[in-house]
Protein backbone atom coordinates (compact mmCIF):
# COMPACT_ATOMS: atom_id res chain seq x y z
CA MET A 1 -173.58 8.01 -24.65
CA ASN A 2 -174.30 4.33 -25.26
CA THR A 3 -176.84 3.61 -27.97
CA THR A 4 -179.19 0.71 -27.30
CA LEU A 5 -179.87 -1.93 -29.91
CA ASN A 6 -183.45 -0.80 -30.44
CA GLU A 7 -182.30 2.78 -30.86
CA ARG A 8 -179.63 1.67 -33.33
CA ASN A 9 -182.22 -0.41 -35.19
CA TRP A 10 -184.53 2.59 -35.37
CA ASN A 11 -181.74 4.81 -36.63
CA VAL A 12 -180.94 2.28 -39.35
CA ALA A 13 -184.63 1.99 -40.22
CA LEU A 14 -184.86 5.75 -40.39
CA GLN A 15 -182.05 5.87 -42.91
CA VAL A 16 -183.85 3.25 -45.00
CA LEU A 17 -187.04 5.30 -44.88
CA LYS A 18 -185.19 8.43 -45.93
CA SER A 19 -183.62 6.65 -48.87
CA ALA A 20 -186.91 5.05 -49.89
CA SER A 21 -189.14 8.12 -49.71
CA GLU A 22 -188.89 11.73 -50.73
CA LEU A 23 -189.26 14.46 -48.19
CA LYS A 24 -192.57 16.30 -48.47
CA THR A 25 -194.26 19.14 -46.67
CA LEU A 26 -197.72 18.07 -45.47
CA PRO A 27 -200.55 20.08 -43.93
CA VAL A 28 -201.03 19.39 -40.23
CA THR A 29 -204.73 18.76 -40.87
CA ALA A 30 -203.82 15.75 -43.05
CA LEU A 31 -201.88 14.02 -40.26
CA HIS A 32 -203.49 11.74 -37.69
CA PRO A 33 -202.11 9.97 -34.61
CA PHE A 34 -201.36 6.28 -35.05
CA ARG A 35 -204.49 4.41 -34.00
CA ASP A 36 -204.22 3.07 -30.45
CA HIS A 37 -200.60 4.13 -30.09
CA PRO A 38 -199.49 3.61 -26.46
CA TYR A 39 -197.58 6.82 -25.80
CA LYS A 40 -199.06 9.81 -24.04
CA VAL A 41 -198.49 13.27 -25.49
CA GLN A 42 -198.52 15.51 -22.43
CA ASP A 43 -198.64 19.28 -22.08
CA ASN A 44 -195.77 19.74 -19.64
CA GLU A 45 -192.50 21.65 -19.38
CA GLU A 46 -190.82 19.40 -21.95
CA MET A 47 -193.63 20.10 -24.39
CA ASP A 48 -193.38 23.84 -23.74
CA SER A 49 -189.66 23.70 -24.54
CA LEU A 50 -190.34 21.76 -27.73
CA VAL A 51 -192.99 24.27 -28.80
CA GLU A 52 -190.58 27.16 -28.24
CA SER A 53 -187.83 25.36 -30.17
CA ILE A 54 -190.16 24.72 -33.11
CA ARG A 55 -191.26 28.36 -33.12
CA GLU A 56 -187.63 29.47 -33.33
CA ASN A 57 -186.08 26.78 -35.52
CA GLY A 58 -188.93 24.87 -37.14
CA ILE A 59 -189.10 21.06 -37.13
CA MET A 60 -185.53 19.88 -37.58
CA SER A 61 -186.30 16.14 -37.86
CA PRO A 62 -189.15 15.21 -40.24
CA LEU A 63 -192.06 13.10 -39.08
CA ILE A 64 -192.41 9.54 -40.36
CA VAL A 65 -195.90 8.85 -41.71
CA ARG A 66 -197.74 6.25 -43.74
CA PRO A 67 -200.74 6.62 -46.07
CA MET A 68 -204.06 5.82 -44.41
CA GLU A 69 -206.01 2.98 -45.95
CA GLY A 70 -209.17 4.12 -47.74
CA ALA A 71 -208.33 7.84 -47.50
CA GLU A 72 -206.68 9.99 -50.11
CA ASN A 73 -203.93 12.38 -48.99
CA GLU A 74 -204.46 11.45 -45.35
CA TYR A 75 -201.59 10.08 -43.28
CA GLU A 76 -201.02 8.24 -40.01
CA VAL A 77 -198.04 9.28 -37.87
CA VAL A 78 -195.50 6.54 -37.19
CA SER A 79 -192.87 8.69 -35.49
CA GLY A 80 -193.33 12.28 -34.36
CA HIS A 81 -196.54 12.51 -32.30
CA ARG A 82 -194.94 14.98 -29.88
CA ARG A 83 -193.53 17.08 -32.71
CA LEU A 84 -196.94 17.14 -34.40
CA HIS A 85 -198.66 18.27 -31.19
CA ALA A 86 -195.98 20.91 -30.60
CA ALA A 87 -196.40 22.18 -34.18
CA GLU A 88 -200.15 22.51 -33.62
CA LYS A 89 -199.53 24.46 -30.39
CA ALA A 90 -197.05 26.66 -32.22
CA GLU A 91 -199.76 27.29 -34.84
CA ILE A 92 -197.63 25.85 -37.64
CA THR A 93 -199.83 24.65 -40.50
CA GLU A 94 -197.34 22.49 -42.43
CA VAL A 95 -194.61 20.09 -41.32
CA PRO A 96 -191.86 18.11 -43.09
CA ALA A 97 -192.60 14.40 -43.34
CA LEU A 98 -191.27 11.24 -44.93
CA ILE A 99 -194.05 9.11 -46.41
CA TYR A 100 -193.51 5.38 -46.39
CA ALA A 101 -195.93 2.61 -47.33
CA LEU A 102 -195.80 0.51 -44.17
CA ASP A 103 -198.50 -2.03 -43.42
CA ARG A 104 -200.28 -1.84 -40.07
CA ASP A 105 -198.09 -4.40 -38.28
CA ALA A 106 -194.76 -3.04 -39.53
CA ALA A 107 -195.90 0.46 -38.61
CA ALA A 108 -196.96 -0.67 -35.11
CA ILE A 109 -193.52 -2.17 -34.47
CA ALA A 110 -191.88 1.02 -35.74
CA VAL A 111 -194.11 3.16 -33.47
CA VAL A 112 -193.01 1.13 -30.44
CA ASP A 113 -189.31 0.97 -31.24
CA SER A 114 -189.06 4.66 -32.09
CA ASN A 115 -190.15 5.63 -28.57
CA LEU A 116 -188.80 2.96 -26.20
CA HIS A 117 -185.44 4.73 -25.93
CA ARG A 118 -187.07 7.84 -24.46
CA GLU A 119 -185.71 8.88 -21.06
CA HIS A 120 -189.14 9.25 -19.46
CA ILE A 121 -191.60 6.50 -20.27
CA LEU A 122 -194.56 5.62 -18.04
CA PRO A 123 -195.31 2.04 -16.94
CA SER A 124 -198.65 2.14 -18.78
CA GLU A 125 -196.91 3.34 -21.95
CA LYS A 126 -194.39 0.53 -21.79
CA ALA A 127 -197.14 -2.01 -21.03
CA PHE A 128 -199.27 -1.14 -24.04
CA ALA A 129 -196.19 -0.64 -26.24
CA TYR A 130 -194.98 -4.18 -25.57
CA LYS A 131 -198.52 -5.48 -26.08
CA MET A 132 -198.80 -3.68 -29.42
CA LYS A 133 -195.42 -4.97 -30.59
CA ALA A 134 -196.14 -8.54 -29.49
CA ASP A 135 -199.53 -8.50 -31.24
CA ALA A 136 -197.99 -7.10 -34.43
CA MET A 137 -195.33 -9.78 -34.43
CA LYS A 138 -197.99 -12.42 -33.85
CA HIS A 139 -199.89 -11.12 -36.89
CA GLN A 140 -196.67 -11.40 -38.89
CA GLY A 141 -196.62 -15.11 -38.06
CA LYS A 142 -193.88 -14.93 -35.45
CA ARG A 143 -194.09 -16.57 -32.05
CA THR A 144 -193.54 -14.35 -29.01
CA ASP A 145 -194.54 -16.69 -26.12
CA LEU A 146 -195.89 -13.53 -24.46
CA THR A 147 -199.50 -13.11 -25.49
CA SER A 148 -200.07 -15.82 -28.08
CA ASP A 149 -200.11 -19.56 -28.56
CA ARG A 150 -196.91 -21.27 -29.66
CA VAL A 151 -197.01 -20.87 -33.41
CA GLY A 152 -194.35 -19.75 -35.87
CA PRO A 153 -190.61 -19.26 -35.27
CA LYS A 154 -189.68 -18.11 -31.78
CA LEU A 155 -188.33 -14.56 -31.44
CA THR A 156 -185.14 -13.77 -29.56
CA VAL A 157 -185.33 -11.52 -26.50
CA GLU A 158 -183.52 -8.78 -28.43
CA GLU A 159 -186.37 -8.62 -30.96
CA ILE A 160 -188.88 -7.93 -28.19
CA SER A 161 -186.92 -5.51 -26.06
CA ASP A 162 -183.38 -4.36 -25.37
CA PHE A 163 -184.48 -2.67 -22.16
CA ASP A 164 -186.24 -5.48 -20.28
CA SER A 165 -185.91 -9.24 -20.03
CA ALA A 166 -188.59 -11.53 -21.47
CA THR A 167 -189.92 -12.07 -17.94
CA GLN A 168 -190.13 -8.34 -17.33
CA VAL A 169 -191.86 -7.81 -20.68
CA LYS A 170 -194.50 -10.35 -19.66
CA ARG A 171 -195.03 -8.49 -16.39
CA TYR A 172 -195.49 -5.20 -18.18
CA ILE A 173 -197.99 -6.74 -20.60
CA ARG A 174 -199.98 -8.03 -17.60
CA LEU A 175 -200.53 -4.39 -16.62
CA THR A 176 -202.77 -3.96 -19.68
CA HIS A 177 -205.38 -5.94 -17.70
CA LEU A 178 -205.59 -3.21 -15.05
CA ILE A 179 -208.43 -0.69 -15.04
CA PRO A 180 -207.38 2.92 -15.81
CA GLU A 181 -207.54 4.03 -12.18
CA LEU A 182 -204.97 1.44 -11.09
CA LEU A 183 -202.79 2.19 -14.12
CA ALA A 184 -202.81 5.83 -13.02
CA TYR A 185 -201.41 4.81 -9.62
CA MET A 186 -198.62 2.98 -11.49
CA ASP A 187 -197.82 6.02 -13.63
CA GLU A 188 -197.82 8.33 -10.59
CA GLY A 189 -195.31 6.09 -8.83
CA LYS A 190 -197.73 5.29 -6.02
CA MET A 191 -197.79 1.55 -6.68
CA ALA A 192 -194.97 -0.87 -7.45
CA LEU A 193 -194.85 -2.93 -10.63
CA SER A 194 -195.02 -6.18 -8.65
CA VAL A 195 -198.23 -5.00 -6.93
CA GLY A 196 -199.81 -3.99 -10.23
CA VAL A 197 -199.02 -7.38 -11.74
CA GLU A 198 -200.78 -9.22 -8.89
CA LEU A 199 -203.83 -6.94 -9.03
CA SER A 200 -204.10 -7.43 -12.80
CA TYR A 201 -205.39 -10.96 -12.16
CA LEU A 202 -208.47 -9.62 -10.33
CA CYS A 203 -211.74 -9.18 -12.20
CA GLU A 204 -212.91 -5.64 -12.97
CA GLU A 205 -215.41 -5.61 -10.09
CA HIS A 206 -212.71 -6.50 -7.59
CA GLN A 207 -210.24 -4.04 -9.10
CA ARG A 208 -212.80 -1.27 -8.66
CA ALA A 209 -213.29 -2.35 -5.05
CA VAL A 210 -209.51 -2.05 -4.61
CA VAL A 211 -209.66 1.53 -5.95
CA GLU A 212 -212.46 2.37 -3.50
CA ALA A 213 -210.45 0.89 -0.63
CA ILE A 214 -207.35 2.84 -1.69
CA ASP A 215 -209.37 6.06 -1.67
CA TYR A 216 -210.95 5.20 1.68
CA TYR A 217 -207.73 4.26 3.50
CA ASP A 218 -205.53 6.68 1.52
CA CYS A 219 -202.86 4.05 0.92
CA THR A 220 -202.02 1.53 -1.80
CA PRO A 221 -201.76 -2.24 -1.21
CA SER A 222 -198.48 -3.79 -0.18
CA TYR A 223 -197.09 -6.64 -2.26
CA ALA A 224 -198.14 -9.13 0.44
CA GLN A 225 -201.71 -7.78 0.39
CA ALA A 226 -201.83 -7.93 -3.42
CA VAL A 227 -200.67 -11.55 -3.36
CA ARG A 228 -203.42 -12.40 -0.86
CA LEU A 229 -206.05 -10.71 -3.02
CA ARG A 230 -204.95 -12.63 -6.09
CA LYS A 231 -204.84 -15.91 -4.17
CA GLU A 232 -208.31 -15.43 -2.71
CA SER A 233 -209.71 -14.51 -6.13
CA ASP A 234 -208.46 -17.77 -7.62
CA GLU A 235 -211.15 -20.26 -8.55
CA LYS A 236 -209.58 -22.76 -6.13
CA TYR A 237 -210.44 -20.46 -3.19
CA CYS A 238 -213.04 -18.09 -4.67
CA ILE A 239 -213.64 -16.26 -1.38
CA LEU A 240 -212.79 -12.72 -2.44
CA THR A 241 -215.55 -10.12 -2.10
CA PRO A 242 -215.55 -6.30 -1.98
CA ASN A 243 -215.95 -6.48 1.80
CA ARG A 244 -213.02 -8.86 2.04
CA ILE A 245 -210.92 -6.47 -0.07
CA PHE A 246 -211.69 -3.62 2.33
CA LYS A 247 -210.77 -5.79 5.28
CA ILE A 248 -207.40 -6.83 3.80
CA LEU A 249 -206.44 -3.34 2.67
CA GLY A 250 -207.52 -1.89 6.01
CA GLU A 251 -204.96 -3.93 7.88
CA GLU A 252 -202.09 -1.91 9.29
CA LYS A 253 -198.85 -2.38 7.39
CA ALA A 254 -195.56 -2.42 9.24
CA ASN A 255 -194.15 0.49 7.24
CA GLN A 256 -197.20 2.62 8.07
CA ARG A 257 -196.93 2.42 11.84
CA GLU A 258 -195.99 5.69 13.43
CA LYS A 259 -192.66 5.72 15.23
CA VAL A 260 -190.92 8.05 17.62
CA SER A 261 -187.13 7.91 17.39
CA PHE A 262 -184.20 9.71 19.00
CA GLN A 263 -180.53 10.02 18.12
CA VAL A 264 -178.37 8.48 20.84
CA GLY A 265 -176.15 11.55 20.76
CA ASP A 266 -179.09 13.78 21.67
CA LEU A 267 -179.81 11.69 24.77
CA ARG A 268 -176.29 10.90 25.91
CA LYS A 269 -175.95 13.96 28.18
CA TYR A 270 -178.97 12.85 30.23
CA PHE A 271 -177.57 9.41 31.09
CA PRO A 272 -174.45 7.95 32.67
CA GLU A 273 -171.64 7.38 30.14
CA ASN A 274 -171.79 3.60 30.53
CA TYR A 275 -175.51 3.41 29.54
CA THR A 276 -176.23 1.51 26.35
CA ALA A 277 -178.90 2.60 23.86
CA LYS A 278 -181.16 -0.19 25.12
CA GLU A 279 -180.78 0.96 28.72
CA MET A 280 -181.64 4.52 27.65
CA GLN A 281 -184.78 3.24 25.92
CA ASN A 282 -185.87 1.24 28.96
CA THR A 283 -185.31 4.22 31.25
CA ILE A 284 -187.35 6.53 29.01
CA LEU A 285 -190.22 4.03 28.83
CA ARG A 286 -190.14 3.63 32.63
CA LEU A 287 -190.25 7.41 33.15
CA VAL A 288 -193.13 7.78 30.69
CA GLN A 289 -195.02 5.00 32.47
CA GLU A 290 -194.42 6.61 35.87
CA GLU A 291 -195.67 9.99 34.55
CA TYR A 292 -198.75 8.31 33.10
CA ASN A 293 -199.48 6.59 36.41
CA ARG A 294 -199.00 9.86 38.30
CA GLN A 295 -201.47 11.72 36.07
CA HIS A 296 -203.94 8.84 36.30
CA ARG A 297 -203.78 8.89 40.12
CA SER A 298 -204.25 12.68 40.07
CA ARG A 299 -207.41 12.40 37.98
CA GLU A 300 -208.75 9.70 40.27
CA TYR A 301 -208.11 11.92 43.30
CA GLU A 302 -209.90 14.89 41.70
CA ARG A 303 -213.02 12.79 41.27
């Protein structure tokens, strides 16, 4: 299995933490999730498996924590939120942890990098993870060109992400401007990243109108519709209204039109061998039209 640069960096950092801090057993009640961390701890099948594993084998890999400012013997989790939640579900009262005195920005970067290599990561998680890392690097005096003005030395792409290009990172960070309802559509796979990026430029009122229109029409916007919404919301045009949003999203999209299709092989026995697919189609349409006309004449006669 190939190991990504961020994963390798985290593994190296983990070794540094282990060498710099003694392993301790801490009460679960003294551990707290990292404030505003972007990753969702979900109760799903993976969590159930982790809980069962911890019940049988205990926590094999210690959590990484840092002391909380202004609180004695209280710690903030840097790596191990899922393990902590699983331990709580398994009714384990103490867990192994490595305590390291990281400042807020260094800890935020570690929180992001320790999770980006996960196999399943939601668009909203990645969006807020990149935002957290970019903000932390900005606070450290480094220039990201992603969410801040051009100050400090410029970071290389590898320092931001090994999984996405700088352009893609910017697009993910734009998603942090979406309201929760639209982010949920992203996470559920109902809306493409490109659509979410365009909608992120709408004000909250218009985003909520988009959600109402999605619920009403039971379909998400196409990329072309999202581009139109963003364009019409621009100050240069400034013509977008909730009613206009409903009108645009109510337009029929080409991929939503119902179609009736046949395999040529299924029809071949009903037509001469030299008939092309187009000739078969024309014949079927002619027969349908004739049947429609016949029924129409019959109804007229019955009147």
